[in-house]
Protein backbone atom coordinates (compact mmCIF):
# COMPACT_ATOMS: atom_id res chain seq x y z
CA MET A 1 0.53 -66.13 -30.48
CA THR A 2 0.05 -67.75 -27.09
CA GLN A 3 2.21 -70.65 -25.97
CA THR A 4 -0.07 -73.28 -24.48
CA LEU A 5 2.46 -75.85 -23.29
CA PRO A 6 5.93 -75.14 -21.89
CA LYS A 7 7.57 -78.33 -23.15
CA LEU A 8 8.43 -79.69 -26.56
CA VAL A 9 5.98 -82.24 -27.92
CA THR A 10 5.94 -84.61 -30.87
CA PHE A 11 3.42 -84.55 -33.70
CA GLU A 12 1.72 -87.60 -32.21
CA GLN A 13 1.38 -85.86 -28.83
CA PHE A 14 0.08 -82.73 -30.54
CA ILE A 15 -2.64 -84.63 -32.41
CA GLU A 16 -3.63 -86.60 -29.33
CA TRP A 17 -3.79 -83.41 -27.25
CA TYR A 18 -5.63 -81.30 -29.82
CA PRO A 19 -8.84 -80.02 -28.15
CA SER A 20 -12.26 -79.62 -29.75
CA ASN A 21 -12.84 -76.13 -28.38
CA GLY A 22 -13.04 -74.32 -31.71
CA ALA A 23 -9.57 -72.76 -31.40
CA LEU A 24 -6.82 -73.31 -33.95
CA TYR A 25 -3.41 -74.59 -32.93
CA GLU A 26 -0.17 -75.24 -34.77
CA LEU A 27 3.04 -76.98 -33.79
CA HIS A 28 6.14 -74.82 -34.27
CA LYS A 29 9.41 -76.70 -33.71
CA GLY A 30 7.81 -78.84 -31.03
CA VAL A 31 5.96 -76.00 -29.28
CA ILE A 32 2.16 -75.88 -29.40
CA LEU A 33 0.89 -72.41 -30.27
CA GLU A 34 -2.64 -71.11 -30.22
CA MET A 35 -3.31 -69.02 -33.30
CA PRO A 36 -5.17 -65.72 -32.80
CA PRO A 37 -8.85 -65.73 -33.79
CA PRO A 38 -9.23 -64.42 -37.36
CA THR A 39 -10.85 -61.07 -38.01
CA GLY A 40 -13.80 -60.68 -40.33
CA GLU A 41 -11.55 -58.98 -42.87
CA HIS A 42 -9.13 -61.91 -42.79
CA GLU A 43 -11.96 -64.39 -43.37
CA ASN A 44 -13.38 -62.27 -46.22
CA VAL A 45 -10.03 -62.48 -48.01
CA VAL A 46 -9.76 -66.23 -47.40
CA GLY A 47 -13.30 -66.75 -48.71
CA PHE A 48 -12.68 -64.67 -51.83
CA LEU A 49 -9.48 -66.52 -52.69
CA ALA A 50 -10.93 -69.96 -51.95
CA ALA A 51 -13.82 -69.25 -54.32
CA GLN A 52 -11.51 -68.00 -57.07
CA ILE A 53 -9.13 -70.95 -56.72
CA THR A 54 -12.01 -73.45 -56.64
CA PHE A 55 -13.46 -71.99 -59.83
CA GLN A 56 -10.11 -72.38 -61.55
CA PHE A 57 -9.49 -76.01 -60.69
CA LEU A 58 -13.07 -76.98 -61.51
CA GLN A 59 -12.78 -75.28 -64.90
CA MET A 60 -9.50 -77.09 -65.53
CA GLY A 61 -10.89 -80.46 -64.43
CA LEU A 62 -8.18 -80.97 -61.83
CA PRO A 63 -8.65 -83.43 -58.94
CA PHE A 64 -8.14 -80.80 -56.27
CA ARG A 65 -9.94 -80.10 -52.99
CA ILE A 66 -9.79 -77.39 -50.31
CA PRO A 67 -10.43 -79.02 -46.91
CA LYS A 68 -12.01 -77.10 -44.05
CA THR A 69 -9.25 -78.13 -41.64
CA ALA A 70 -6.09 -80.05 -42.45
CA PHE A 71 -2.47 -80.08 -41.41
CA VAL A 72 0.87 -79.99 -43.20
CA LYS A 73 3.50 -81.90 -41.23
CA ILE A 74 7.08 -80.72 -41.71
CA LYS A 75 9.37 -83.69 -41.20
CA SER A 76 12.61 -81.79 -40.74
CA ASN A 77 11.82 -79.69 -37.66
CA ASN A 78 8.78 -81.11 -35.84
CA SER A 79 6.37 -78.44 -37.08
CA THR A 80 2.76 -78.85 -38.19
CA TYR A 81 0.87 -76.03 -39.88
CA SER A 82 -2.71 -75.39 -40.92
CA PRO A 83 -2.58 -73.00 -43.91
CA ASP A 84 -5.42 -70.55 -44.44
CA ILE A 85 -6.00 -72.25 -47.79
CA LEU A 86 -4.56 -75.70 -48.41
CA LEU A 87 -5.09 -76.98 -51.93
CA LEU A 88 -4.87 -80.77 -52.00
CA ASN A 89 -4.36 -83.15 -54.89
CA HIS A 90 -7.03 -85.69 -54.08
CA ASP A 91 -5.41 -88.33 -56.30
CA ASN A 92 -2.32 -88.44 -54.09
CA LEU A 93 -4.09 -88.73 -50.75
CA VAL A 94 -4.09 -92.52 -51.08
CA ASN A 95 -0.31 -92.26 -50.60
CA GLU A 96 -0.59 -90.19 -47.43
CA PRO A 97 -0.25 -92.40 -44.33
CA LEU A 98 -1.69 -89.81 -41.94
CA TRP A 99 -4.56 -88.50 -44.02
CA SER A 100 -7.32 -90.97 -43.24
CA LYS A 101 -7.22 -90.65 -39.46
CA GLN A 102 -5.48 -87.32 -38.83
CA SER A 103 -6.25 -85.17 -41.93
CA THR A 104 -2.51 -84.55 -42.23
CA VAL A 105 -0.31 -84.55 -45.33
CA ILE A 106 3.45 -84.99 -45.46
CA GLN A 107 4.16 -85.09 -49.21
CA ALA A 108 4.63 -82.15 -51.55
CA ALA A 109 2.87 -84.18 -54.26
CA SER A 110 -0.33 -83.71 -52.25
CA ILE A 111 -0.04 -79.90 -52.08
CA PRO A 112 -0.17 -77.94 -55.35
CA LEU A 113 -0.63 -74.68 -53.44
CA ALA A 114 -0.57 -73.28 -49.90
CA VAL A 115 -1.89 -69.80 -49.05
CA GLU A 116 -1.24 -67.86 -45.87
CA VAL A 117 -3.18 -64.65 -45.21
CA VAL A 118 -0.99 -62.53 -42.95
CA SER A 119 -2.28 -61.87 -39.44
CA SER A 120 -1.18 -59.18 -37.03
CA ASN A 121 1.12 -61.02 -34.63
CA CYS A 122 2.23 -63.82 -36.92
CA TRP A 123 3.68 -62.18 -40.02
CA ARG A 124 7.19 -63.52 -39.40
CA ASP A 125 5.81 -67.05 -39.42
CA ASP A 126 4.42 -66.55 -42.93
CA TYR A 127 7.37 -64.67 -44.41
CA TYR A 128 10.16 -66.62 -42.72
CA ASP A 129 9.31 -69.94 -41.05
CA LYS A 130 6.57 -71.19 -43.36
CA PHE A 131 8.36 -69.83 -46.42
CA ARG A 132 11.44 -71.86 -45.46
CA ASP A 133 9.53 -74.99 -44.50
CA TYR A 134 7.21 -75.04 -47.53
CA GLU A 135 10.22 -74.44 -49.77
CA GLU A 136 12.21 -77.24 -48.15
CA MET A 137 9.21 -79.57 -48.34
CA GLY A 138 8.93 -78.84 -52.07
CA ILE A 139 5.45 -77.29 -52.25
CA PRO A 140 5.33 -75.94 -55.84
CA GLU A 141 3.50 -72.68 -55.10
CA TYR A 142 3.04 -70.57 -51.97
CA TRP A 143 1.09 -67.30 -51.67
CA ILE A 144 1.62 -64.76 -48.89
CA VAL A 145 -1.37 -62.43 -48.86
CA ASP A 146 -0.62 -59.28 -46.85
CA TYR A 147 -3.88 -57.38 -47.34
CA ALA A 148 -3.18 -54.98 -44.45
CA ALA A 149 0.55 -54.36 -45.09
CA ILE A 150 1.50 -55.96 -41.78
CA GLY A 151 4.81 -57.54 -42.82
CA GLY A 152 8.22 -55.91 -42.57
CA LYS A 153 9.36 -53.25 -45.01
CA ARG A 154 11.68 -55.76 -46.64
CA PHE A 155 8.56 -57.46 -47.99
CA THR A 156 5.93 -54.72 -48.19
CA GLY A 157 8.06 -51.76 -49.26
CA ASN A 158 8.94 -48.43 -47.66
CA PRO A 159 6.43 -47.03 -46.93
CA LYS A 160 4.56 -50.28 -46.41
CA GLN A 161 2.04 -51.28 -49.07
CA LYS A 162 -0.54 -54.02 -49.29
CA THR A 163 1.23 -56.87 -51.03
CA ILE A 164 0.67 -60.30 -52.54
CA THR A 165 3.83 -62.42 -52.80
CA ILE A 166 3.64 -65.50 -55.01
CA CYS A 167 6.49 -67.94 -54.51
CA GLU A 168 7.16 -70.45 -57.27
CA LEU A 169 9.49 -73.39 -56.65
CA VAL A 170 12.25 -73.36 -59.26
CA ASP A 171 15.12 -75.85 -58.93
CA GLY A 172 14.39 -76.24 -55.24
CA ASP A 173 14.24 -72.52 -54.42
CA TYR A 174 11.27 -70.17 -54.19
CA GLN A 175 11.30 -67.39 -56.77
CA MET A 176 9.23 -64.50 -55.39
CA THR A 177 7.01 -62.20 -57.45
CA VAL A 178 5.29 -59.25 -55.76
CA PHE A 179 1.88 -57.89 -56.77
CA ARG A 180 0.32 -54.61 -55.64
CA GLY A 181 -2.48 -52.30 -56.69
CA ASN A 182 -3.77 -52.99 -60.19
CA ASN A 183 -1.19 -55.69 -60.96
CA PHE A 184 -2.98 -58.77 -62.27
CA ILE A 185 -2.18 -61.84 -60.21
CA ALA A 186 -0.01 -64.30 -62.15
CA SER A 187 -0.08 -67.86 -60.83
CA PRO A 188 2.01 -70.59 -62.45
CA LEU A 189 -0.61 -73.13 -61.35
CA PHE A 190 -3.61 -71.15 -62.60
CA PRO A 191 -2.57 -69.13 -65.68
CA LYS A 192 -6.15 -68.02 -66.42
CA LEU A 193 -6.67 -66.09 -63.19
CA ASN A 194 -8.25 -62.75 -64.00
CA PHE A 195 -8.19 -60.47 -60.97
CA THR A 196 -5.87 -57.89 -59.50
CA ALA A 197 -4.14 -57.55 -56.18
CA GLN A 198 -6.46 -54.65 -55.42
CA GLN A 199 -9.51 -56.86 -55.87
CA ILE A 200 -8.09 -59.17 -53.23
CA PHE A 201 -7.50 -56.24 -50.88
CA ASP A 202 -11.00 -54.90 -51.55
CA SER A 203 -12.53 -58.28 -50.69
CA ALA A 204 -11.53 -57.66 -47.06
CA LEU A 205 -14.16 -54.94 -46.71
């Protein structure tokens, strides 16, 4: 990641500054960071998962949406993230004070699921910072999709293996379940999912 400003900024300053140059930025503890451009493989995985998740919530008749670009504002540490897939509960957006003008949510009730697809330089953000912040915020379900086995051995095994980690919020703490190879993905939110971790990895190609 590339630091674009040397000083700490507020969320309001971040939103006001945000350029329309096609690049993606996040705010990490008051520091604006430019996120690396996604690879084609990364976008293939995001597209596959977004389609699968959309099919599920449409079949279940749930009032969910996946926005093209939206932010999750973390109140506790002046961070603002843009997950690779942000599933929003449309019925709760009326309660979001920042949604209408800034496409930003601050309530866990608005976010049934957040998905981060691990990128080369940023894996610690997904496994550590965002894990902690999404957990503290109370987001019920968080997926870490490591289709290229980029993360540390603590998370991907030794030797490293392609890994999906699904984190379910239980009594305020994320309980982590790891999926690899031909393991069928088990999502508390979508119990009728019917694909394996390997199918997610293969979608990158």
